[in-house]
Amino acid sequence: MHLDGAWLVSKSVIRIQPDLRNDSLRMLQSKKGIVFIDSKVPAVNSIVSWIQNVSNQDTESETGKNTDLLLHQQATEKIFDVIRSISVFN
């Protein structure tokens, strides 16, 4: 599972992108449950803190508590619908 997928099912994730040059990659920076690191200097403390937090979390799944998941639930089916609607594939 990739970072965005893990976050959508309410898993704590860390995104490490030191010296980030493309601001569009900051899209998840302000989301709850994501630790975002874009600098080399504070990275060690942030990573250690994230590992401790993940280790201390309850083992119970929090799946479904992320409201952004609802925005993406039907994404795959919608993509298939678009592909099916193209006459070349009929």
N, C-alpha and C. Protein backbone atom coordinates (compact mmCIF):
# COMPACT_ATOMS: atom_id res chain seq x y z
N MET A 1 0.85 -1.17 0.00
CA MET A 1 0.00 0.00 0.00
C MET A 1 0.89 1.24 0.00
N HIS A 2 0.57 2.19 -0.83
CA HIS A 2 1.36 3.41 -0.89
C HIS A 2 0.93 4.41 0.18
N LEU A 3 1.67 5.49 0.31
CA LEU A 3 1.43 6.47 1.37
C LEU A 3 0.00 6.98 1.37
N ASP A 4 -0.49 7.42 0.23
CA ASP A 4 -1.84 7.99 0.19
C ASP A 4 -2.89 6.95 0.55
N GLY A 5 -2.70 5.73 0.11
CA GLY A 5 -3.64 4.66 0.44
C GLY A 5 -3.63 4.34 1.92
N ALA A 6 -2.46 4.30 2.50
CA ALA A 6 -2.35 4.03 3.94
C ALA A 6 -3.04 5.14 4.73
N TRP A 7 -2.82 6.37 4.32
CA TRP A 7 -3.43 7.49 5.03
C TRP A 7 -4.96 7.46 4.89
N LEU A 8 -5.44 7.10 3.72
CA LEU A 8 -6.89 7.07 3.51
C LEU A 8 -7.59 6.07 4.43
N VAL A 9 -6.90 5.00 4.81
CA VAL A 9 -7.50 4.04 5.73
C VAL A 9 -7.04 4.28 7.16
N SER A 10 -6.67 5.53 7.44
CA SER A 10 -6.37 6.02 8.80
C SER A 10 -5.12 5.42 9.43
N LYS A 11 -4.15 5.09 8.62
CA LYS A 11 -2.86 4.66 9.15
C LYS A 11 -1.97 5.88 9.26
N SER A 12 -1.20 5.96 10.32
CA SER A 12 -0.27 7.06 10.49
C SER A 12 0.86 6.89 9.49
N VAL A 13 1.17 7.95 8.75
CA VAL A 13 2.22 7.87 7.75
C VAL A 13 3.21 9.01 7.91
N ILE A 14 4.40 8.81 7.36
CA ILE A 14 5.43 9.83 7.36
C ILE A 14 5.89 10.03 5.92
N ARG A 15 5.99 11.28 5.53
CA ARG A 15 6.44 11.61 4.19
C ARG A 15 7.74 12.38 4.34
N ILE A 16 8.83 11.80 3.87
CA ILE A 16 10.15 12.41 4.02
C ILE A 16 10.63 12.86 2.64
N GLN A 17 10.71 14.18 2.47
CA GLN A 17 11.14 14.74 1.20
C GLN A 17 12.07 15.93 1.46
N PRO A 18 13.29 15.65 1.92
CA PRO A 18 14.21 16.74 2.22
C PRO A 18 14.52 17.58 0.98
N ASP A 19 14.62 18.87 1.20
CA ASP A 19 14.90 19.82 0.12
C ASP A 19 13.87 19.74 -1.01
N LEU A 20 12.64 19.59 -0.64
CA LEU A 20 11.55 19.49 -1.61
C LEU A 20 11.55 20.69 -2.54
N ARG A 21 11.49 20.44 -3.82
CA ARG A 21 11.54 21.51 -4.82
C ARG A 21 10.22 21.73 -5.54
N ASN A 22 9.33 20.78 -5.47
CA ASN A 22 8.05 20.88 -6.18
C ASN A 22 6.95 21.06 -5.15
N ASP A 23 6.42 22.27 -5.02
CA ASP A 23 5.43 22.57 -3.99
C ASP A 23 4.13 21.77 -4.14
N SER A 24 3.84 21.27 -5.33
CA SER A 24 2.61 20.49 -5.49
C SER A 24 2.67 19.18 -4.69
N LEU A 25 3.88 18.75 -4.31
CA LEU A 25 4.02 17.52 -3.53
C LEU A 25 3.72 17.74 -2.05
N ARG A 26 3.36 18.96 -1.68
CA ARG A 26 3.01 19.27 -0.30
C ARG A 26 1.52 19.06 -0.03
N MET A 27 0.81 18.50 -0.94
CA MET A 27 -0.65 18.40 -0.84
C MET A 27 -1.16 17.72 0.43
N LEU A 28 -0.39 16.82 0.99
CA LEU A 28 -0.84 16.12 2.20
C LEU A 28 -0.24 16.70 3.48
N GLN A 29 0.53 17.76 3.35
CA GLN A 29 1.27 18.32 4.49
C GLN A 29 0.38 18.69 5.67
N SER A 30 -0.79 19.21 5.42
CA SER A 30 -1.64 19.68 6.51
C SER A 30 -2.69 18.66 6.97
N LYS A 31 -2.66 17.48 6.42
CA LYS A 31 -3.65 16.47 6.77
C LYS A 31 -3.32 15.82 8.12
N LYS A 32 -4.36 15.54 8.87
CA LYS A 32 -4.20 14.87 10.16
C LYS A 32 -3.68 13.46 9.94
N GLY A 33 -2.70 13.06 10.74
CA GLY A 33 -2.17 11.71 10.65
C GLY A 33 -0.96 11.58 9.74
N ILE A 34 -0.51 12.70 9.16
CA ILE A 34 0.66 12.66 8.29
C ILE A 34 1.75 13.55 8.89
N VAL A 35 2.91 12.97 9.07
CA VAL A 35 4.08 13.75 9.47
C VAL A 35 4.83 14.05 8.18
N PHE A 36 5.03 15.32 7.91
CA PHE A 36 5.64 15.76 6.66
C PHE A 36 6.99 16.40 6.96
N ILE A 37 8.04 15.87 6.36
CA ILE A 37 9.39 16.38 6.59
C ILE A 37 9.97 16.84 5.26
N ASP A 38 10.33 18.13 5.21
CA ASP A 38 10.92 18.64 3.98
C ASP A 38 12.27 19.31 4.22
N SER A 39 12.83 19.07 5.38
CA SER A 39 14.12 19.65 5.72
C SER A 39 14.99 18.59 6.37
N LYS A 40 16.27 18.65 6.13
CA LYS A 40 17.18 17.67 6.72
C LYS A 40 17.40 17.90 8.21
N VAL A 41 17.32 19.16 8.64
CA VAL A 41 17.69 19.52 10.02
C VAL A 41 16.79 18.88 11.08
N PRO A 42 15.47 19.10 11.07
CA PRO A 42 14.65 18.52 12.14
C PRO A 42 14.19 17.10 11.88
N ALA A 43 14.66 16.51 10.82
CA ALA A 43 14.15 15.20 10.40
C ALA A 43 14.34 14.12 11.45
N VAL A 44 15.47 14.05 12.08
CA VAL A 44 15.74 12.97 13.04
C VAL A 44 14.74 13.01 14.18
N ASN A 45 14.52 14.16 14.77
CA ASN A 45 13.57 14.28 15.88
C ASN A 45 12.15 13.94 15.42
N SER A 46 11.77 14.40 14.25
CA SER A 46 10.43 14.12 13.74
C SER A 46 10.23 12.64 13.47
N ILE A 47 11.24 11.99 12.92
CA ILE A 47 11.15 10.55 12.62
C ILE A 47 11.06 9.74 13.91
N VAL A 48 11.90 10.06 14.88
CA VAL A 48 11.88 9.35 16.17
C VAL A 48 10.51 9.53 16.83
N SER A 49 10.00 10.74 16.82
CA SER A 49 8.68 11.01 17.41
C SER A 49 7.59 10.23 16.70
N TRP A 50 7.62 10.20 15.37
CA TRP A 50 6.63 9.46 14.60
C TRP A 50 6.68 7.97 14.92
N ILE A 51 7.89 7.41 14.98
CA ILE A 51 8.04 5.98 15.29
C ILE A 51 7.47 5.68 16.67
N GLN A 52 7.74 6.54 17.64
CA GLN A 52 7.21 6.33 19.00
C GLN A 52 5.69 6.39 19.00
N ASN A 53 5.13 7.35 18.28
CA ASN A 53 3.66 7.47 18.22
C ASN A 53 3.02 6.26 17.55
N VAL A 54 3.62 5.79 16.47
CA VAL A 54 3.08 4.62 15.77
C VAL A 54 3.18 3.39 16.67
N SER A 55 4.28 3.26 17.38
CA SER A 55 4.48 2.12 18.27
C SER A 55 3.50 2.11 19.43
N ASN A 56 3.07 3.29 19.86
CA ASN A 56 2.18 3.39 21.01
C ASN A 56 0.70 3.35 20.65
N GLN A 57 0.39 3.35 19.37
CA GLN A 57 -1.02 3.33 18.96
C GLN A 57 -1.63 1.99 19.28
N ASP A 58 -2.95 2.04 19.53
CA ASP A 58 -3.68 0.79 19.74
C ASP A 58 -3.62 -0.04 18.47
N THR A 59 -3.67 -1.33 18.62
CA THR A 59 -3.62 -2.21 17.45
C THR A 59 -4.96 -2.28 16.73
N GLU A 60 -6.01 -1.73 17.34
CA GLU A 60 -7.32 -1.75 16.69
C GLU A 60 -7.29 -0.86 15.45
N SER A 61 -7.94 -1.30 14.41
CA SER A 61 -7.98 -0.54 13.17
C SER A 61 -8.89 0.67 13.31
N GLU A 62 -8.48 1.77 12.70
CA GLU A 62 -9.30 2.97 12.67
C GLU A 62 -9.88 3.17 11.28
N THR A 63 -9.93 2.11 10.50
CA THR A 63 -10.42 2.20 9.15
C THR A 63 -11.82 2.80 9.13
N GLY A 64 -12.02 3.73 8.21
CA GLY A 64 -13.33 4.36 8.07
C GLY A 64 -13.44 5.67 8.82
N LYS A 65 -12.50 6.02 9.66
CA LYS A 65 -12.59 7.26 10.40
C LYS A 65 -12.06 8.45 9.61
N ASN A 66 -11.41 8.21 8.50
CA ASN A 66 -10.88 9.27 7.68
C ASN A 66 -11.96 9.67 6.67
N THR A 67 -12.49 10.87 6.83
CA THR A 67 -13.58 11.30 5.95
C THR A 67 -13.14 11.47 4.51
N ASP A 68 -11.84 11.68 4.26
CA ASP A 68 -11.37 11.77 2.88
C ASP A 68 -11.52 10.45 2.14
N LEU A 69 -11.58 9.35 2.85
CA LEU A 69 -11.76 8.06 2.21
C LEU A 69 -13.08 8.04 1.43
N LEU A 70 -14.10 8.68 1.96
CA LEU A 70 -15.40 8.71 1.29
C LEU A 70 -15.32 9.37 -0.09
N LEU A 71 -14.40 10.33 -0.23
CA LEU A 71 -14.24 11.01 -1.52
C LEU A 71 -13.66 10.09 -2.58
N HIS A 72 -12.98 9.03 -2.17
CA HIS A 72 -12.27 8.16 -3.10
C HIS A 72 -12.87 6.77 -3.22
N GLN A 73 -13.93 6.50 -2.49
CA GLN A 73 -14.51 5.15 -2.47
C GLN A 73 -14.88 4.62 -3.84
N GLN A 74 -15.44 5.45 -4.67
CA GLN A 74 -15.93 5.00 -5.98
C GLN A 74 -14.96 5.31 -7.12
N ALA A 75 -13.73 5.74 -6.79
CA ALA A 75 -12.79 6.19 -7.81
C ALA A 75 -12.51 5.13 -8.88
N THR A 76 -12.23 3.92 -8.47
CA THR A 76 -11.89 2.87 -9.43
C THR A 76 -13.06 2.59 -10.37
N GLU A 77 -14.24 2.49 -9.80
CA GLU A 77 -15.42 2.21 -10.64
C GLU A 77 -15.69 3.36 -11.61
N LYS A 78 -15.48 4.58 -11.17
CA LYS A 78 -15.68 5.73 -12.07
C LYS A 78 -14.69 5.72 -13.22
N ILE A 79 -13.46 5.33 -12.95
CA ILE A 79 -12.45 5.23 -14.01
C ILE A 79 -12.86 4.16 -15.01
N PHE A 80 -13.31 3.00 -14.51
CA PHE A 80 -13.76 1.93 -15.41
C PHE A 80 -14.96 2.39 -16.24
N ASP A 81 -15.86 3.15 -15.65
CA ASP A 81 -17.02 3.66 -16.39
C ASP A 81 -16.58 4.55 -17.55
N VAL A 82 -15.59 5.40 -17.32
CA VAL A 82 -15.09 6.27 -18.39
C VAL A 82 -14.47 5.42 -19.50
N ILE A 83 -13.67 4.44 -19.12
CA ILE A 83 -13.03 3.57 -20.13
C ILE A 83 -14.09 2.82 -20.92
N ARG A 84 -15.12 2.29 -20.23
CA ARG A 84 -16.18 1.54 -20.91
C ARG A 84 -16.96 2.43 -21.87
N SER A 85 -17.07 3.72 -21.55
CA SER A 85 -17.87 4.62 -22.37
C SER A 85 -17.17 5.03 -23.68
N ILE A 86 -15.88 4.76 -23.75
CA ILE A 86 -15.15 5.11 -24.98
C ILE A 86 -15.49 4.09 -26.04
N SER A 87 -15.97 4.56 -27.17
CA SER A 87 -16.47 3.65 -28.22
C SER A 87 -15.43 2.68 -28.75
N VAL A 88 -14.17 3.02 -28.66
CA VAL A 88 -13.10 2.14 -29.16
C VAL A 88 -13.12 0.80 -28.43
N PHE A 89 -13.52 0.81 -27.16
CA PHE A 89 -13.51 -0.41 -26.35
C PHE A 89 -14.81 -1.19 -26.43
N ASN A 90 -15.79 -0.70 -27.13
CA ASN A 90 -17.10 -1.38 -27.21
C ASN A 90 -17.13 -2.40 -28.32
